[in-house]
Protein backbone atom coordinates (compact mmCIF):
# COMPACT_ATOMS: atom_id res chain seq x y z
CA UNK A 1 36.35 -86.59 37.55
CA UNK A 2 38.53 -86.80 40.51
CA UNK A 3 41.49 -85.91 38.42
CA UNK A 4 39.84 -82.80 36.75
CA UNK A 5 41.21 -79.41 37.49
CA UNK A 6 39.61 -77.45 40.20
CA UNK A 7 37.57 -74.56 38.92
CA UNK A 8 38.52 -70.93 39.60
CA UNK A 9 36.08 -68.14 40.70
CA UNK A 10 36.00 -65.17 38.03
CA UNK A 11 35.92 -61.96 40.00
CA UNK A 12 34.06 -59.09 38.56
CA UNK A 13 36.07 -56.02 37.80
CA UNK A 14 35.93 -53.07 40.23
CA UNK A 15 33.82 -50.13 39.26
CA UNK A 16 35.65 -47.62 37.10
CA UNK A 17 35.27 -44.96 39.83
CA UNK A 18 37.32 -47.12 42.08
CA UNK A 19 40.33 -47.59 39.87
CA UNK A 20 40.42 -44.34 37.80
CA UNK A 21 43.37 -42.19 38.97
CA UNK A 22 41.75 -39.01 40.38
CA UNK A 23 42.44 -36.36 43.02
CA UNK A 24 41.59 -37.12 46.65
CA UNK A 25 37.93 -37.41 47.14
CA UNK A 26 36.97 -36.57 43.61
CA UNK A 27 34.72 -39.80 44.05
CA UNK A 28 33.39 -39.90 47.64
CA UNK A 29 31.23 -42.16 49.53
CA UNK A 30 28.99 -40.89 52.36
CA UNK A 31 27.58 -42.92 55.23
CA UNK A 32 26.57 -42.18 58.82
CA UNK A 33 28.00 -43.91 61.86
CA UNK A 34 26.38 -44.10 65.35
CA UNK A 35 24.64 -43.18 67.31
CA UNK A 36 27.20 -41.74 69.91
CA UNK A 37 26.19 -39.94 73.04
CA UNK A 38 27.57 -36.59 73.93
CA UNK A 39 27.19 -34.69 77.47
CA UNK A 40 24.83 -31.74 77.24
CA UNK A 41 24.85 -30.30 80.75
CA UNK A 42 23.85 -33.18 83.03
CA UNK A 43 22.23 -35.16 80.26
CA UNK A 44 23.30 -37.37 77.39
CA UNK A 45 22.20 -36.62 73.66
CA UNK A 46 22.42 -38.64 70.57
CA UNK A 47 24.95 -37.70 67.85
CA UNK A 48 26.17 -39.26 64.67
CA UNK A 49 29.32 -39.15 62.63
CA UNK A 50 29.04 -38.31 59.10
CA UNK A 51 31.95 -40.30 57.25
CA UNK A 52 33.15 -39.11 53.85
CA UNK A 53 35.65 -41.52 52.21
CA UNK A 54 37.68 -41.39 49.00
CA UNK A 55 37.03 -44.28 46.41
CA UNK A 56 40.51 -44.30 45.15
CA UNK A 57 42.91 -43.28 48.10
CA UNK A 58 40.72 -44.71 50.81
CA UNK A 59 41.16 -41.45 52.74
CA UNK A 60 38.57 -40.53 55.31
CA UNK A 61 36.96 -37.26 56.52
CA UNK A 62 34.94 -37.35 59.78
CA UNK A 63 32.22 -34.73 60.79
CA UNK A 64 30.12 -34.90 64.03
CA UNK A 65 26.49 -34.20 63.47
CA UNK A 66 24.22 -33.66 66.48
CA UNK A 67 21.27 -35.18 64.63
CA UNK A 68 20.33 -36.71 61.16
CA UNK A 69 18.42 -33.78 59.77
CA UNK A 70 18.88 -32.48 56.28
CA UNK A 71 20.28 -29.27 57.54
CA UNK A 72 23.03 -31.00 59.63
CA UNK A 73 24.03 -33.06 56.65
CA UNK A 74 24.25 -30.02 54.42
CA UNK A 75 26.41 -28.26 56.99
CA UNK A 76 28.75 -31.31 57.27
CA UNK A 77 29.00 -31.36 53.41
CA UNK A 78 29.91 -27.63 53.30
CA UNK A 79 32.68 -28.26 56.02
CA UNK A 80 33.95 -31.06 53.97
CA UNK A 81 33.93 -29.36 50.68
CA UNK A 82 35.61 -26.38 52.28
CA UNK A 83 38.54 -28.35 53.29
CA UNK A 84 38.76 -31.25 50.82
CA UNK A 85 37.23 -29.57 47.73
CA UNK A 86 34.12 -30.29 45.76
CA UNK A 87 33.90 -33.99 44.68
CA UNK A 88 32.81 -35.02 41.20
CA UNK A 89 30.66 -37.92 42.35
CA UNK A 90 29.14 -38.83 45.65
CA UNK A 91 27.92 -42.46 46.38
CA UNK A 92 25.34 -43.12 49.08
CA UNK A 93 23.34 -46.27 50.03
CA UNK A 94 20.19 -46.77 47.97
CA UNK A 95 17.04 -45.34 49.70
CA UNK A 96 15.53 -48.84 49.45
CA UNK A 97 17.93 -50.26 52.06
CA UNK A 98 16.71 -47.66 54.60
CA UNK A 99 12.97 -48.91 54.38
CA UNK A 100 13.55 -50.70 57.72
CA UNK A 101 11.77 -50.53 61.02
CA UNK A 102 14.86 -48.79 62.55
CA UNK A 103 14.03 -45.24 63.19
CA UNK A 104 17.65 -43.87 62.54
CA UNK A 105 17.52 -45.56 59.09
CA UNK A 106 14.08 -44.04 58.22
CA UNK A 107 15.55 -40.62 59.19
CA UNK A 108 18.56 -41.11 56.91
CA UNK A 109 16.42 -42.07 54.12
CA UNK A 110 14.38 -38.82 54.55
CA UNK A 111 17.60 -36.76 54.71
CA UNK A 112 19.03 -38.24 51.29
CA UNK A 113 15.71 -37.69 49.64
CA UNK A 114 15.15 -34.09 50.87
CA UNK A 115 14.79 -31.54 48.20
CA UNK A 116 17.46 -29.26 49.86
CA UNK A 117 19.82 -31.94 49.57
CA UNK A 118 19.27 -32.57 45.74
CA UNK A 119 19.43 -28.68 45.30
CA UNK A 120 22.91 -28.49 46.85
CA UNK A 121 24.31 -31.25 44.78
CA UNK A 122 22.85 -29.83 41.69
CA UNK A 123 24.08 -26.30 42.27
CA UNK A 124 27.62 -27.54 42.88
CA UNK A 125 27.81 -29.89 39.83
CA UNK A 126 27.94 -32.98 41.90
CA UNK A 127 26.71 -36.30 40.61
CA UNK A 128 24.89 -38.14 43.07
CA UNK A 129 24.65 -42.04 42.75
CA UNK A 130 22.88 -44.65 44.73
CA UNK A 131 24.21 -48.28 44.91
CA UNK A 132 21.89 -50.90 43.61
CA UNK A 133 18.73 -51.85 45.68
CA UNK A 134 19.30 -54.91 48.14
CA UNK A 135 23.11 -54.85 47.19
CA UNK A 136 24.53 -53.51 50.44
CA UNK A 137 27.90 -55.18 49.64
CA UNK A 138 28.31 -52.39 46.91
CA UNK A 139 29.00 -50.05 49.86
CA UNK A 140 31.64 -52.10 51.41
CA UNK A 141 34.22 -49.60 50.49
CA UNK A 142 32.78 -47.15 53.08
CA UNK A 143 31.48 -49.68 55.52
CA UNK A 144 35.11 -50.96 56.03
CA UNK A 145 36.04 -47.41 56.95
CA UNK A 146 33.01 -47.17 59.45
CA UNK A 147 34.25 -50.28 61.16
CA UNK A 148 37.69 -48.88 61.46
CA UNK A 149 36.51 -45.58 62.81
CA UNK A 150 34.36 -47.49 65.41
CA UNK A 151 37.26 -49.64 66.50
CA UNK A 152 39.38 -46.24 66.94
CA UNK A 153 36.72 -44.77 69.02
CA UNK A 154 36.23 -47.82 71.20
CA UNK A 155 39.96 -47.63 71.98
CA UNK A 156 40.15 -44.04 72.72
CA UNK A 157 36.74 -43.41 74.35
CA UNK A 158 36.12 -46.69 76.15
CA UNK A 159 33.23 -45.92 78.51
CA UNK A 160 34.01 -42.21 78.89
CA UNK A 161 31.55 -39.54 78.17
CA UNK A 162 32.55 -36.30 76.66
CA UNK A 163 30.87 -33.15 75.33
CA UNK A 164 30.45 -32.30 71.59
CA UNK A 165 33.74 -30.34 71.39
CA UNK A 166 35.69 -33.10 73.03
CA UNK A 167 34.15 -35.69 70.68
CA UNK A 168 34.97 -33.63 67.57
CA UNK A 169 38.48 -33.23 68.76
CA UNK A 170 38.73 -37.05 69.13
CA UNK A 171 37.27 -37.63 65.76
CA UNK A 172 39.91 -35.21 64.19
CA UNK A 173 42.74 -37.33 65.95
CA UNK A 174 41.01 -40.66 64.69
CA UNK A 175 40.90 -39.07 61.17
CA UNK A 176 44.57 -38.41 61.13
CA UNK A 177 45.46 -41.82 62.46
CA UNK A 178 43.39 -43.53 59.82
CA UNK A 179 44.81 -41.23 57.05
CA UNK A 180 48.32 -41.96 58.30
CA UNK A 181 47.96 -45.83 58.16
CA UNK A 182 50.51 -47.58 55.91
CA UNK A 183 49.23 -48.55 52.38
CA UNK A 184 52.21 -50.32 50.99
CA UNK A 185 55.89 -50.90 51.36
CA UNK A 186 58.26 -48.28 49.68
CA UNK A 187 60.02 -50.00 46.87
CA UNK A 188 63.22 -47.79 47.38
CA UNK A 189 63.35 -48.29 50.94
CA UNK A 190 62.27 -51.60 52.47
CA UNK A 191 62.09 -50.24 56.02
CA UNK A 192 59.74 -47.50 55.23
CA UNK A 193 56.04 -47.61 54.03
CA UNK A 194 53.92 -45.41 51.74
CA UNK A 195 51.03 -43.61 53.37
CA UNK A 196 48.01 -42.12 51.66
CA UNK A 197 48.81 -39.72 48.75
CA UNK A 198 46.74 -36.77 50.08
CA UNK A 199 48.52 -37.26 53.49
CA UNK A 200 51.91 -37.14 52.03
CA UNK A 201 51.07 -33.85 50.40
CA UNK A 202 49.85 -32.40 53.50
CA UNK A 203 52.96 -33.49 55.31
CA UNK A 204 55.00 -31.54 52.77
CA UNK A 205 53.03 -28.31 52.98
CA UNK A 206 52.15 -28.06 56.78
CA UNK A 207 54.35 -28.33 59.72
CA UNK A 208 54.01 -31.57 61.90
CA UNK A 209 53.73 -31.59 65.69
CA UNK A 210 56.97 -31.29 67.35
CA UNK A 211 58.04 -34.53 69.25
CA UNK A 212 60.28 -35.09 72.20
CA UNK A 213 63.14 -36.14 69.84
CA UNK A 214 62.79 -32.79 68.06
CA UNK A 215 63.02 -30.81 71.37
CA UNK A 216 66.16 -32.79 72.26
CA UNK A 217 67.85 -31.92 68.95
CA UNK A 218 67.16 -28.12 69.48
């Protein structure tokens, strides 16, 4: 028995939506991160990040929501689709996972179950899929991006307090940084790396910010 070959764990294949070549954000996962606190006058108010992530390219899109109401989610969806296009399929946590004592989780459950949310998805031909009940690891592909977003925010914000406009600006910068992260090494040039496909397309069609090196060469 001691001479027997060690057994190997057989990994299940990834879901089809994760490996089928599609356009950026054709299959999108949505989740909330937070709460964060923004300055409103002399007081602090809770706010949340609506995170949209592509299932195939792992790109992210971040929207600031001042609360977790249905209207705020739909507004964030409209801003997302206006800039990224309509997704074919949207994945979210299963509503059963939000039946906890935490008030924010109960609010999110109510938002995802609202009639207005279902109507928006139906009118735009978007398939809405929940992950399996009590299987939070199925949402690991967006939870990973939530963790990376929080890590970026901690490094940028620290203990600083900013207003909603300042926080939205920081989120856009974090979004650009996450979408510029190297994915793999370039086979043709060993010293360069490939970034996200949709980011490379954006670099080709929009001017990049001028750097100090650019100004010296002028």
